[in-house]
Amino acid sequence: MDNLMLPKRGMPVTIITGFLGSGKTTLLNHILSNNHNLKVAVLVNEFGDIDIDSQLLVSVEENMLSLSNGCICCTINDDLLDTVYQVLESEQKVDYLIVETTGVADPLPIILTFLSPELRDLVRLDSVLTLIDAENFTPSYFESDAALQQIIYGDIILLNKIDLVTEEKVKELETSISTIKQGASILCCENAKIPLPLILDIQRSNVNNYPQNELESSHDHHHEHDHHHDHSHHLEIDGFVSVSFECDRPFNVDKFQNFITDNIMAKVYRAKGILWFAESELKHIFQLSGKRYDLNTEEWQTPQKNQLVMIGKDISADNLRAKLQECIVN
């Protein structure tokens, strides 16, 4: 990273987008762990989505997290613009700004925010990075406009998790991506590990890539710096449903395994949670992406309870919660 020559004018901004479970959080951790004295500010939707190594943590103040390597992590509140101003006005020196979108968001509103009159003289949109899960992605699989928009507006496509598929599948995906976005720059990687000079300060953003009518309307839409506006449309969910479940009694492990393979889970694209099983004294960290899931264990540091969040399309929250109730040990 030492060979990155950062410009004096305008802090460079990289937007990281990609569908649920594509590896955005893993990429953020990779950047934060290998920043080589580059002071990075990361804007995320919630700290819980970033698995920052505990030794990186220094302090949390309101929605800003200071890291021991000189970087900061900030949660996006309702207003992305206000959050960016908060970073720019921070006493900490910041060289680079990275924004992670939600997995089901169209990145265009966030892109337009950085091209707006309020920010275009303060920051420079460097590129939009789009992560794709090589194992789970097909152009029609997600039935989501957002998933396609993420490719269309991506300056660099990171084809992640290629170790989970054959070389033939990788070539098919590259061809498929190129039909969605002609001339796409595609980089292949495993576990979101990519040399940082290939993705940071690469000056790939081109204003001509975005709809001119959208740009003009965003330039006509001014904000007062000190006013708070509802900008939740930046993080729109594009027809997806988020279902959360909590209980302070343990699950039966066999019943939960049956729940995961039940047809009701077929349209759940992403899930994550902290699980408590009657058969185990350990805490289980549950992650599901597409049809793949894993469970990792660690010691409990907090009172035992079950917490689970699932995101999908055409799913019934009531039915999912009822099935999870059946997993509870009475």
C-alpha atoms as a PDB file:
ATOM      1  CA  MET A   1       0.000   0.000   0.000  1.00  0.00           C
ATOM      2  CA  ASP A   2       3.015   2.246   0.401  1.00  0.00           C
ATOM      3  CA  ASN A   3       3.065   2.743  -3.371  1.00  0.00           C
ATOM      4  CA  LEU A   4      -0.392   4.350  -3.328  1.00  0.00           C
ATOM      5  CA  MET A   5       0.053   8.056  -4.011  1.00  0.00           C
ATOM      6  CA  LEU A   6      -3.006   9.688  -2.535  1.00  0.00           C
ATOM      7  CA  PRO A   7      -4.068  12.964  -4.143  1.00  0.00           C
ATOM      8  CA  LYS A   8      -3.975  16.189  -2.150  1.00  0.00           C
ATOM      9  CA  ARG A   9      -7.385  17.319  -3.394  1.00  0.00           C
ATOM     10  CA  GLY A  10     -10.463  15.456  -2.248  1.00  0.00           C
ATOM     11  CA  MET A  11     -10.476  12.379  -0.036  1.00  0.00           C
ATOM     12  CA  PRO A  12     -10.876   9.255  -2.237  1.00  0.00           C
ATOM     13  CA  VAL A  13     -14.032   7.200  -1.648  1.00  0.00           C
ATOM     14  CA  THR A  14     -14.597   3.530  -2.487  1.00  0.00           C
ATOM     15  CA  ILE A  15     -18.107   2.094  -2.370  1.00  0.00           C
ATOM     16  CA  ILE A  16     -18.312  -1.639  -1.665  1.00  0.00           C
ATOM     17  CA  THR A  17     -21.512  -3.303  -2.832  1.00  0.00           C
ATOM     18  CA  GLY A  18     -22.630  -6.861  -3.522  1.00  0.00           C
ATOM     19  CA  PHE A  19     -25.484  -9.186  -2.748  1.00  0.00           C
ATOM     20  CA  LEU A  20     -26.173 -10.834   0.606  1.00  0.00           C
ATOM     21  CA  GLY A  21     -23.304 -13.097   1.652  1.00  0.00           C
ATOM     22  CA  SER A  22     -20.951 -12.095  -1.182  1.00  0.00           C
ATOM     23  CA  GLY A  23     -18.084 -11.254   1.200  1.00  0.00           C
ATOM     24  CA  LYS A  24     -18.320  -7.485   1.800  1.00  0.00           C
ATOM     25  CA  THR A  25     -17.561  -7.775   5.523  1.00  0.00           C
ATOM     26  CA  THR A  26     -14.617 -10.090   4.840  1.00  0.00           C
ATOM     27  CA  LEU A  27     -13.220  -7.571   2.343  1.00  0.00           C
ATOM     28  CA  LEU A  28     -13.572  -4.742   4.863  1.00  0.00           C
ATOM     29  CA  ASN A  29     -11.665  -6.748   7.465  1.00  0.00           C
ATOM     30  CA  HIS A  30      -8.966  -7.491   4.876  1.00  0.00           C
ATOM     31  CA  ILE A  31      -8.596  -3.768   4.118  1.00  0.00           C
ATOM     32  CA  LEU A  32      -8.527  -2.766   7.788  1.00  0.00           C
ATOM     33  CA  SER A  33      -5.944  -5.438   8.641  1.00  0.00           C
ATOM     34  CA  ASN A  34      -3.637  -4.549   5.741  1.00  0.00           C
ATOM     35  CA  ASN A  35      -3.978  -0.788   5.523  1.00  0.00           C
ATOM     36  CA  HIS A  36      -0.202  -0.124   5.852  1.00  0.00           C
ATOM     37  CA  ASN A  37      -0.477   3.156   7.742  1.00  0.00           C
ATOM     38  CA  LEU A  38      -3.297   4.402   5.531  1.00  0.00           C
ATOM     39  CA  LYS A  39      -5.869   5.958   7.880  1.00  0.00           C
ATOM     40  CA  VAL A  40      -9.158   4.505   6.678  1.00  0.00           C
ATOM     41  CA  ALA A  41     -12.687   5.462   7.694  1.00  0.00           C
ATOM     42  CA  VAL A  42     -15.284   2.763   7.070  1.00  0.00           C
ATOM     43  CA  LEU A  43     -18.997   3.574   6.976  1.00  0.00           C
ATOM     44  CA  VAL A  44     -21.248   0.595   7.648  1.00  0.00           C
ATOM     45  CA  ASN A  45     -24.888   0.078   8.491  1.00  0.00           C
ATOM     46  CA  GLU A  46     -24.110  -1.383  11.900  1.00  0.00           C
ATOM     47  CA  PHE A  47     -20.950  -2.407  13.729  1.00  0.00           C
ATOM     48  CA  GLY A  48     -22.377  -5.871  14.281  1.00  0.00           C
ATOM     49  CA  ASP A  49     -21.861  -6.564  10.582  1.00  0.00           C
ATOM     50  CA  ILE A  50     -18.094  -6.105  10.865  1.00  0.00           C
ATOM     51  CA  ASP A  51     -16.119  -8.834  12.563  1.00  0.00           C
ATOM     52  CA  ILE A  52     -13.179  -6.595  13.430  1.00  0.00           C
ATOM     53  CA  ASP A  53     -10.460  -8.440  15.333  1.00  0.00           C
ATOM     54  CA  SER A  54     -10.811  -7.615  19.008  1.00  0.00           C
ATOM     55  CA  GLN A  55      -7.252  -6.276  19.185  1.00  0.00           C
ATOM     56  CA  LEU A  56      -8.215  -3.574  16.684  1.00  0.00           C
ATOM     57  CA  LEU A  57     -10.881  -2.157  18.969  1.00  0.00           C
ATOM     58  CA  VAL A  58     -10.062   0.897  21.052  1.00  0.00           C
ATOM     59  CA  SER A  59     -13.228   2.782  21.925  1.00  0.00           C
ATOM     60  CA  VAL A  60     -16.813   3.354  20.891  1.00  0.00           C
ATOM     61  CA  GLU A  61     -18.276   6.853  21.072  1.00  0.00           C
ATOM     62  CA  GLU A  62     -21.873   7.282  19.897  1.00  0.00           C
ATOM     63  CA  ASN A  63     -21.842   5.796  16.378  1.00  0.00           C
ATOM     64  CA  MET A  64     -18.064   5.988  15.858  1.00  0.00           C
ATOM     65  CA  LEU A  65     -15.599   3.223  16.665  1.00  0.00           C
ATOM     66  CA  SER A  66     -11.888   4.055  16.987  1.00  0.00           C
ATOM     67  CA  LEU A  67      -9.449   1.328  15.979  1.00  0.00           C
ATOM     68  CA  SER A  68      -5.954   0.839  17.317  1.00  0.00           C
ATOM     69  CA  ASN A  69      -4.435   0.961  13.815  1.00  0.00           C
ATOM     70  CA  GLY A  70      -5.546   4.570  13.390  1.00  0.00           C
ATOM     71  CA  CYS A  71      -8.659   3.750  11.393  1.00  0.00           C
ATOM     72  CA  ILE A  72     -12.212   4.566  12.386  1.00  0.00           C
ATOM     73  CA  CYS A  73     -15.490   2.786  11.788  1.00  0.00           C
ATOM     74  CA  CYS A  74     -18.750   4.708  11.699  1.00  0.00           C
ATOM     75  CA  THR A  75     -22.367   3.577  11.520  1.00  0.00           C
ATOM     76  CA  ILE A  76     -24.583   5.145   8.885  1.00  0.00           C
ATOM     77  CA  ASN A  77     -27.572   6.697  10.591  1.00  0.00           C
ATOM     78  CA  ASP A  78     -30.641   7.816   8.651  1.00  0.00           C
ATOM     79  CA  ASP A  79     -28.569  10.371   6.750  1.00  0.00           C
ATOM     80  CA  LEU A  80     -25.508   9.219   4.824  1.00  0.00           C
ATOM     81  CA  LEU A  81     -24.542  12.831   4.115  1.00  0.00           C
ATOM     82  CA  ASP A  82     -24.473  13.704   7.817  1.00  0.00           C
ATOM     83  CA  THR A  83     -22.351  10.633   8.529  1.00  0.00           C
ATOM     84  CA  VAL A  84     -19.809  11.637   5.861  1.00  0.00           C
ATOM     85  CA  TYR A  85     -19.640  15.160   7.314  1.00  0.00           C
ATOM     86  CA  GLN A  86     -19.042  13.633  10.749  1.00  0.00           C
ATOM     87  CA  VAL A  87     -15.998  11.753   9.386  1.00  0.00           C
ATOM     88  CA  LEU A  88     -14.684  14.804   7.506  1.00  0.00           C
ATOM     89  CA  GLU A  89     -14.967  16.908  10.660  1.00  0.00           C
ATOM     90  CA  SER A  90     -13.413  14.259  12.900  1.00  0.00           C
ATOM     91  CA  GLU A  91     -10.284  15.254  14.808  1.00  0.00           C
ATOM     92  CA  GLN A  92      -8.666  12.079  13.545  1.00  0.00           C
ATOM     93  CA  LYS A  93      -6.710  12.309  10.330  1.00  0.00           C
ATOM     94  CA  VAL A  94      -8.423  10.237   7.626  1.00  0.00           C
ATOM     95  CA  ASP A  95      -6.817   9.401   4.262  1.00  0.00           C
ATOM     96  CA  TYR A  96      -9.470   7.202   2.714  1.00  0.00           C
ATOM     97  CA  LEU A  97     -13.204   6.629   2.991  1.00  0.00           C
ATOM     98  CA  ILE A  98     -14.907   3.265   2.351  1.00  0.00           C
ATOM     99  CA  VAL A  99     -18.686   2.836   2.320  1.00  0.00           C
ATOM    100  CA  GLU A 100     -20.380  -0.563   2.536  1.00  0.00           C
ATOM    101  CA  THR A 101     -23.910  -0.773   1.138  1.00  0.00           C
ATOM    102  CA  THR A 102     -26.519  -3.211   2.397  1.00  0.00           C
ATOM    103  CA  GLY A 103     -26.634  -6.481   0.477  1.00  0.00           C
ATOM    104  CA  VAL A 104     -30.006  -5.721  -1.079  1.00  0.00           C
ATOM    105  CA  ALA A 105     -29.429  -2.038  -1.906  1.00  0.00           C
ATOM    106  CA  ASP A 106     -29.257  -0.416  -5.319  1.00  0.00           C
ATOM    107  CA  PRO A 107     -25.913   1.444  -5.053  1.00  0.00           C
ATOM    108  CA  LEU A 108     -26.976   4.332  -7.328  1.00  0.00           C
ATOM    109  CA  PRO A 109     -28.462   6.598  -4.600  1.00  0.00           C
ATOM    110  CA  ILE A 110     -25.234   6.272  -2.593  1.00  0.00           C
ATOM    111  CA  ILE A 111     -23.121   6.967  -5.689  1.00  0.00           C
ATOM    112  CA  LEU A 112     -25.191  10.083  -6.435  1.00  0.00           C
ATOM    113  CA  THR A 113     -24.714  11.320  -2.864  1.00  0.00           C
ATOM    114  CA  PHE A 114     -20.946  11.456  -3.436  1.00  0.00           C
ATOM    115  CA  LEU A 115     -21.426  13.218  -6.783  1.00  0.00           C
ATOM    116  CA  SER A 116     -23.784  15.820  -5.263  1.00  0.00           C
ATOM    117  CA  PRO A 117     -22.808  19.496  -4.844  1.00  0.00           C
ATOM    118  CA  GLU A 118     -22.510  18.981  -1.076  1.00  0.00           C
ATOM    119  CA  LEU A 119     -19.687  16.439  -1.409  1.00  0.00           C
ATOM    120  CA  ARG A 120     -18.104  16.526  -4.864  1.00  0.00           C
ATOM    121  CA  ASP A 121     -15.598  19.254  -3.867  1.00  0.00           C
ATOM    122  CA  LEU A 122     -14.728  17.555  -0.567  1.00  0.00           C
ATOM    123  CA  VAL A 123     -14.321  13.941  -1.698  1.00  0.00           C
ATOM    124  CA  ARG A 124     -13.509  12.077  -4.911  1.00  0.00           C
ATOM    125  CA  LEU A 125     -15.458   8.957  -5.829  1.00  0.00           C
ATOM    126  CA  ASP A 126     -12.643   6.551  -6.717  1.00  0.00           C
ATOM    127  CA  SER A 127     -14.556   3.411  -7.664  1.00  0.00           C
ATOM    128  CA  VAL A 128     -17.476   1.117  -6.958  1.00  0.00           C
ATOM    129  CA  LEU A 129     -16.422  -2.449  -6.065  1.00  0.00           C
ATOM    130  CA  THR A 130     -19.028  -5.177  -6.557  1.00  0.00           C
ATOM    131  CA  LEU A 131     -18.499  -8.530  -4.852  1.00  0.00           C
ATOM    132  CA  ILE A 132     -20.110 -11.656  -6.277  1.00  0.00           C
ATOM    133  CA  ASP A 133     -20.370 -15.041  -4.558  1.00  0.00           C
ATOM    134  CA  ALA A 134     -19.089 -17.393  -7.282  1.00  0.00           C
ATOM    135  CA  GLU A 135     -20.829 -20.394  -5.767  1.00  0.00           C
ATOM    136  CA  ASN A 136     -24.314 -18.923  -5.381  1.00  0.00           C
ATOM    137  CA  PHE A 137     -24.628 -16.315  -8.123  1.00  0.00           C
ATOM    138  CA  THR A 138     -26.679 -16.644 -11.290  1.00  0.00           C
ATOM    139  CA  PRO A 139     -28.095 -13.540 -13.029  1.00  0.00           C
ATOM    140  CA  SER A 140     -31.697 -14.616 -12.417  1.00  0.00           C
ATOM    141  CA  TYR A 141     -31.247 -16.353  -9.051  1.00  0.00           C
ATOM    142  CA  PHE A 142     -32.041 -13.398  -6.836  1.00  0.00           C
ATOM    143  CA  GLU A 143     -34.958 -11.986  -8.863  1.00  0.00           C
ATOM    144  CA  SER A 144     -33.675  -8.634  -7.705  1.00  0.00           C
ATOM    145  CA  ASP A 145     -33.128  -5.433  -9.620  1.00  0.00           C
ATOM    146  CA  ALA A 146     -30.618  -4.412  -6.953  1.00  0.00           C
ATOM    147  CA  ALA A 147     -28.378  -7.432  -7.678  1.00  0.00           C
ATOM    148  CA  LEU A 148     -28.209  -6.424 -11.354  1.00  0.00           C
ATOM    149  CA  GLN A 149     -27.745  -2.728 -10.559  1.00  0.00           C
ATOM    150  CA  GLN A 150     -24.790  -3.671  -8.369  1.00  0.00           C
ATOM    151  CA  ILE A 151     -23.090  -5.184 -11.423  1.00  0.00           C
ATOM    152  CA  ILE A 152     -24.143  -2.455 -13.851  1.00  0.00           C
ATOM    153  CA  TYR A 153     -22.675   0.301 -11.646  1.00  0.00           C
ATOM    154  CA  GLY A 154     -19.618  -1.650 -10.495  1.00  0.00           C
ATOM    155  CA  ASP A 155     -16.297  -0.319 -11.783  1.00  0.00           C
ATOM    156  CA  ILE A 156     -14.521  -3.468 -10.601  1.00  0.00           C
ATOM    157  CA  ILE A 157     -16.277  -6.834 -10.205  1.00  0.00           C
ATOM    158  CA  LEU A 158     -14.678  -9.032  -7.535  1.00  0.00           C
ATOM    159  CA  LEU A 159     -15.597 -12.637  -8.264  1.00  0.00           C
ATOM    160  CA  ASN A 160     -15.186 -14.035  -4.767  1.00  0.00           C
ATOM    161  CA  LYS A 161     -15.060 -17.604  -3.374  1.00  0.00           C
ATOM    162  CA  ILE A 162     -13.671 -19.063  -6.617  1.00  0.00           C
ATOM    163  CA  ASP A 163     -12.128 -21.851  -4.534  1.00  0.00           C
ATOM    164  CA  LEU A 164     -15.657 -23.248  -4.087  1.00  0.00           C
ATOM    165  CA  VAL A 165     -16.341 -23.723  -7.811  1.00  0.00           C
ATOM    166  CA  THR A 166     -14.688 -25.265 -10.877  1.00  0.00           C
ATOM    167  CA  GLU A 167     -12.621 -23.319 -13.413  1.00  0.00           C
ATOM    168  CA  GLU A 168     -15.418 -23.928 -15.926  1.00  0.00           C
ATOM    169  CA  LYS A 169     -17.931 -22.270 -13.588  1.00  0.00           C
ATOM    170  CA  VAL A 170     -15.619 -19.265 -13.186  1.00  0.00           C
ATOM    171  CA  LYS A 171     -15.403 -18.864 -16.985  1.00  0.00           C
ATOM    172  CA  GLU A 172     -19.205 -19.162 -17.272  1.00  0.00           C
ATOM    173  CA  LEU A 173     -19.659 -16.481 -14.636  1.00  0.00           C
ATOM    174  CA  GLU A 174     -17.167 -14.167 -16.317  1.00  0.00           C
ATOM    175  CA  THR A 175     -19.070 -14.547 -19.597  1.00  0.00           C
ATOM    176  CA  SER A 176     -22.399 -13.996 -17.849  1.00  0.00           C
ATOM    177  CA  ILE A 177     -21.153 -10.876 -16.046  1.00  0.00           C
ATOM    178  CA  SER A 178     -19.787  -9.492 -19.317  1.00  0.00           C
ATOM    179  CA  THR A 179     -23.234  -9.804 -20.905  1.00  0.00           C
ATOM    180  CA  ILE A 180     -24.706  -7.735 -18.073  1.00  0.00           C
ATOM    181  CA  LYS A 181     -21.881  -5.192 -18.180  1.00  0.00           C
ATOM    182  CA  GLN A 182     -19.855  -5.066 -21.363  1.00  0.00           C
ATOM    183  CA  GLY A 183     -16.151  -4.567 -20.807  1.00  0.00           C
ATOM    184  CA  ALA A 184     -16.433  -5.299 -17.089  1.00  0.00           C
ATOM    185  CA  SER A 185     -13.151  -5.419 -15.149  1.00  0.00           C
ATOM    186  CA  ILE A 186     -13.307  -8.740 -13.302  1.00  0.00           C
ATOM    187  CA  LEU A 187     -10.856  -9.793 -10.580  1.00  0.00           C
ATOM    188  CA  CYS A 188     -11.033 -13.298  -9.094  1.00  0.00           C
ATOM    189  CA  CYS A 189     -10.307 -13.919  -5.425  1.00  0.00           C
ATOM    190  CA  GLU A 190     -10.708 -16.320  -2.524  1.00  0.00           C
ATOM    191  CA  ASN A 191     -11.970 -15.185   0.867  1.00  0.00           C
ATOM    192  CA  ALA A 192     -12.030 -11.586  -0.478  1.00  0.00           C
ATOM    193  CA  LYS A 193      -8.212 -11.447  -0.375  1.00  0.00           C
ATOM    194  CA  ILE A 194      -7.045  -9.039  -3.065  1.00  0.00           C
ATOM    195  CA  PRO A 195      -3.930  -6.800  -3.186  1.00  0.00           C
ATOM    196  CA  LEU A 196      -5.094  -3.381  -2.009  1.00  0.00           C
ATOM    197  CA  PRO A 197      -3.359  -1.395  -4.796  1.00  0.00           C
ATOM    198  CA  LEU A 198      -5.688  -3.215  -7.225  1.00  0.00           C
ATOM    199  CA  ILE A 199      -8.823  -1.849  -5.530  1.00  0.00           C
ATOM    200  CA  LEU A 200      -7.935   1.384  -3.692  1.00  0.00           C
ATOM    201  CA  ASP A 201      -7.022   4.720  -5.320  1.00  0.00           C
ATOM    202  CA  ILE A 202      -7.465   3.290  -8.816  1.00  0.00           C
ATOM    203  CA  GLN A 203      -9.475   6.252 -10.185  1.00  0.00           C
ATOM    204  CA  ARG A 204     -11.964   4.103 -12.058  1.00  0.00           C
ATOM    205  CA  SER A 205     -15.163   6.067 -11.412  1.00  0.00           C
ATOM    206  CA  ASN A 206     -16.639   7.702 -14.529  1.00  0.00           C
ATOM    207  CA  VAL A 207     -19.524  10.141 -14.204  1.00  0.00           C
ATOM    208  CA  ASN A 208     -20.720   9.083 -17.671  1.00  0.00           C
ATOM    209  CA  ASN A 209     -21.590   5.635 -16.270  1.00  0.00           C
ATOM    210  CA  TYR A 210     -24.576   7.048 -14.414  1.00  0.00           C
ATOM    211  CA  PRO A 211     -27.952   8.172 -15.800  1.00  0.00           C
ATOM    212  CA  GLN A 212     -27.643  11.866 -16.645  1.00  0.00           C
ATOM    213  CA  ASN A 213     -31.205  12.624 -15.534  1.00  0.00           C
ATOM    214  CA  GLU A 214     -30.404  11.121 -12.121  1.00  0.00           C
ATOM    215  CA  LEU A 215     -27.246  13.209 -11.860  1.00  0.00           C
ATOM    216  CA  GLU A 216     -29.095  16.403 -12.743  1.00  0.00           C
ATOM    217  CA  SER A 217     -31.871  15.770 -10.239  1.00  0.00           C
ATOM    218  CA  SER A 218     -29.309  15.010  -7.515  1.00  0.00           C
ATOM    219  CA  HIS A 219     -27.464  18.255  -8.311  1.00  0.00           C
ATOM    220  CA  ASP A 220     -30.718  20.208  -7.957  1.00  0.00           C
ATOM    221  CA  HIS A 221     -31.402  18.659  -4.566  1.00  0.00           C
ATOM    222  CA  HIS A 222     -29.523  20.628  -1.907  1.00  0.00           C
ATOM    223  CA  HIS A 223     -29.210  19.860   1.778  1.00  0.00           C
ATOM    224  CA  GLU A 224     -28.448  22.171   4.632  1.00  0.00           C
ATOM    225  CA  HIS A 225     -25.381  20.841   6.400  1.00  0.00           C
ATOM    226  CA  ASP A 226     -26.855  21.194   9.882  1.00  0.00           C
ATOM    227  CA  HIS A 227     -30.233  19.704   9.055  1.00  0.00           C
ATOM    228  CA  HIS A 228     -31.103  16.047   9.527  1.00  0.00           C
ATOM    229  CA  HIS A 229     -33.059  14.452   6.717  1.00  0.00           C
ATOM    230  CA  ASP A 230     -34.483  10.983   6.340  1.00  0.00           C
ATOM    231  CA  HIS A 231     -32.174   9.304   3.856  1.00  0.00           C
ATOM    232  CA  SER A 232     -33.254   5.756   4.517  1.00  0.00           C
ATOM    233  CA  HIS A 233     -33.860   5.409   0.762  1.00  0.00           C
ATOM    234  CA  HIS A 234     -30.091   5.094   0.460  1.00  0.00           C
ATOM    235  CA  LEU A 235     -30.423   1.716   2.134  1.00  0.00           C
ATOM    236  CA  GLU A 236     -33.635   0.509   0.574  1.00  0.00           C
ATOM    237  CA  ILE A 237     -34.469  -3.151   0.855  1.00  0.00           C
ATOM    238  CA  ASP A 238     -35.811  -3.689  -2.699  1.00  0.00           C
ATOM    239  CA  GLY A 239     -38.703  -5.977  -1.829  1.00  0.00           C
ATOM    240  CA  PHE A 240     -36.787  -8.128   0.636  1.00  0.00           C
ATOM    241  CA  VAL A 241     -38.016  -9.000   4.104  1.00  0.00           C
ATOM    242  CA  SER A 242     -35.869  -9.096   7.222  1.00  0.00           C
ATOM    243  CA  VAL A 243     -37.070 -11.403  10.013  1.00  0.00           C
ATOM    244  CA  SER A 244     -35.533 -11.378  13.477  1.00  0.00           C
ATOM    245  CA  PHE A 245     -36.015 -13.907  16.269  1.00  0.00           C
ATOM    246  CA  GLU A 246     -34.890 -13.895  19.886  1.00  0.00           C
ATOM    247  CA  CYS A 247     -35.530 -16.198  22.831  1.00  0.00           C
ATOM    248  CA  ASP A 248     -33.897 -16.901  26.165  1.00  0.00           C
ATOM    249  CA  ARG A 249     -34.304 -20.679  26.016  1.00  0.00           C
ATOM    250  CA  PRO A 250     -32.042 -23.106  24.111  1.00  0.00           C
ATOM    251  CA  PHE A 251     -32.730 -24.847  20.799  1.00  0.00           C
ATOM    252  CA  ASN A 252     -32.630 -28.587  20.229  1.00  0.00           C
ATOM    253  CA  VAL A 253     -29.760 -29.072  17.790  1.00  0.00           C
ATOM    254  CA  ASP A 254     -31.484 -31.770  15.687  1.00  0.00           C
ATOM    255  CA  LYS A 255     -34.664 -29.733  15.357  1.00  0.00           C
ATOM    256  CA  PHE A 256     -32.645 -26.687  14.269  1.00  0.00           C
ATOM    257  CA  GLN A 257     -30.785 -28.760  11.651  1.00  0.00           C
ATOM    258  CA  ASN A 258     -34.161 -29.862  10.298  1.00  0.00           C
ATOM    259  CA  PHE A 259     -35.300 -26.233  10.251  1.00  0.00           C
ATOM    260  CA  ILE A 260     -32.311 -25.203   8.109  1.00  0.00           C
ATOM    261  CA  THR A 261     -33.114 -27.867   5.493  1.00  0.00           C
ATOM    262  CA  ASP A 262     -36.871 -27.225   5.595  1.00  0.00           C
ATOM    263  CA  ASN A 263     -38.517 -25.889   2.402  1.00  0.00           C
ATOM    264  CA  ILE A 264     -39.439 -22.754   4.319  1.00  0.00           C
ATOM    265  CA  MET A 265     -35.746 -21.764   4.176  1.00  0.00           C
ATOM    266  CA  ALA A 266     -35.516 -22.069   0.370  1.00  0.00           C
ATOM    267  CA  LYS A 267     -36.116 -18.337  -0.132  1.00  0.00           C
ATOM    268  CA  VAL A 268     -33.933 -17.162   2.744  1.00  0.00           C
ATOM    269  CA  TYR A 269     -30.793 -15.882   1.016  1.00  0.00           C
ATOM    270  CA  ARG A 270     -28.875 -14.706   4.066  1.00  0.00           C
ATOM    271  CA  ALA A 271     -29.013 -15.451   7.777  1.00  0.00           C
ATOM    272  CA  LYS A 272     -26.735 -14.859  10.725  1.00  0.00           C
ATOM    273  CA  GLY A 273     -27.130 -15.398  14.393  1.00  0.00           C
ATOM    274  CA  ILE A 274     -25.899 -16.359  17.846  1.00  0.00           C
ATOM    275  CA  LEU A 275     -27.297 -19.761  18.797  1.00  0.00           C
ATOM    276  CA  TRP A 276     -27.673 -21.560  22.114  1.00  0.00           C
ATOM    277  CA  PHE A 277     -28.136 -25.333  21.955  1.00  0.00           C
ATOM    278  CA  ALA A 278     -29.206 -27.434  24.933  1.00  0.00           C
ATOM    279  CA  GLU A 279     -26.648 -30.075  23.901  1.00  0.00           C
ATOM    280  CA  SER A 280     -23.654 -27.710  24.040  1.00  0.00           C
ATOM    281  CA  GLU A 281     -21.996 -25.385  26.559  1.00  0.00           C
ATOM    282  CA  LEU A 282     -20.516 -23.280  23.759  1.00  0.00           C
ATOM    283  CA  LYS A 283     -21.893 -20.304  21.858  1.00  0.00           C
ATOM    284  CA  HIS A 284     -22.551 -21.079  18.174  1.00  0.00           C
ATOM    285  CA  ILE A 285     -22.118 -18.410  15.486  1.00  0.00           C
ATOM    286  CA  PHE A 286     -24.408 -19.218  12.580  1.00  0.00           C
ATOM    287  CA  GLN A 287     -23.896 -17.900   9.027  1.00  0.00           C
ATOM    288  CA  LEU A 288     -25.983 -18.815   5.986  1.00  0.00           C
ATOM    289  CA  SER A 289     -25.372 -17.578   2.416  1.00  0.00           C
ATOM    290  CA  GLY A 290     -27.587 -19.054  -0.269  1.00  0.00           C
ATOM    291  CA  LYS A 291     -27.616 -22.797   0.260  1.00  0.00           C
ATOM    292  CA  ARG A 292     -24.364 -22.875   2.236  1.00  0.00           C
ATOM    293  CA  TYR A 293     -24.131 -22.434   5.986  1.00  0.00           C
ATOM    294  CA  ASP A 294     -21.621 -22.931   8.754  1.00  0.00           C
ATOM    295  CA  LEU A 295     -21.538 -22.978  12.547  1.00  0.00           C
ATOM    296  CA  ASN A 296     -18.493 -21.852  14.526  1.00  0.00           C
ATOM    297  CA  THR A 297     -18.134 -22.075  18.285  1.00  0.00           C
ATOM    298  CA  GLU A 298     -16.639 -19.944  21.027  1.00  0.00           C
ATOM    299  CA  GLU A 299     -17.035 -19.471  24.784  1.00  0.00           C
ATOM    300  CA  TRP A 300     -20.016 -17.509  26.053  1.00  0.00           C
ATOM    301  CA  GLN A 301     -19.041 -14.068  27.402  1.00  0.00           C
ATOM    302  CA  THR A 302     -22.649 -12.904  27.826  1.00  0.00           C
ATOM    303  CA  PRO A 303     -25.880 -14.470  29.134  1.00  0.00           C
ATOM    304  CA  GLN A 304     -27.015 -17.346  26.928  1.00  0.00           C
ATOM    305  CA  LYS A 305     -29.784 -16.596  24.425  1.00  0.00           C
ATOM    306  CA  ASN A 306     -30.767 -17.183  20.800  1.00  0.00           C
ATOM    307  CA  GLN A 307     -30.611 -14.304  18.324  1.00  0.00           C
ATOM    308  CA  LEU A 308     -31.221 -14.831  14.617  1.00  0.00           C
ATOM    309  CA  VAL A 309     -31.772 -12.543  11.614  1.00  0.00           C
ATOM    310  CA  MET A 310     -32.954 -13.896   8.234  1.00  0.00           C
ATOM    311  CA  ILE A 311     -33.344 -12.001   4.942  1.00  0.00           C
ATOM    312  CA  GLY A 312     -35.305 -13.324   1.996  1.00  0.00           C
ATOM    313  CA  LYS A 313     -38.004 -12.706  -0.568  1.00  0.00           C
ATOM    314  CA  ASP A 314     -41.583 -14.012  -0.491  1.00  0.00           C
ATOM    315  CA  ILE A 315     -41.068 -15.343   3.020  1.00  0.00           C
ATOM    316  CA  SER A 316     -43.539 -15.377   5.893  1.00  0.00           C
ATOM    317  CA  ALA A 317     -42.148 -13.952   9.122  1.00  0.00           C
ATOM    318  CA  ASP A 318     -44.896 -15.651  11.129  1.00  0.00           C
ATOM    319  CA  ASN A 319     -44.183 -19.061   9.595  1.00  0.00           C
ATOM    320  CA  LEU A 320     -40.429 -18.753  10.153  1.00  0.00           C
ATOM    321  CA  ARG A 321     -40.890 -17.724  13.774  1.00  0.00           C
ATOM    322  CA  ALA A 322     -43.382 -20.546  14.361  1.00  0.00           C
ATOM    323  CA  LYS A 323     -40.887 -23.083  13.000  1.00  0.00           C
ATOM    324  CA  LEU A 324     -38.163 -21.663  15.234  1.00  0.00           C
ATOM    325  CA  GLN A 325     -40.493 -21.879  18.246  1.00  0.00           C
ATOM    326  CA  GLU A 326     -40.746 -25.615  17.550  1.00  0.00           C
ATOM    327  CA  CYS A 327     -36.943 -25.866  17.911  1.00  0.00           C
ATOM    328  CA  ILE A 328     -37.005 -24.546  21.480  1.00  0.00           C
ATOM    329  CA  VAL A 329     -36.438 -27.033  24.321  1.00  0.00           C
ATOM    330  CA  ASN A 330     -39.347 -26.782  26.743  1.00  0.00           C
END
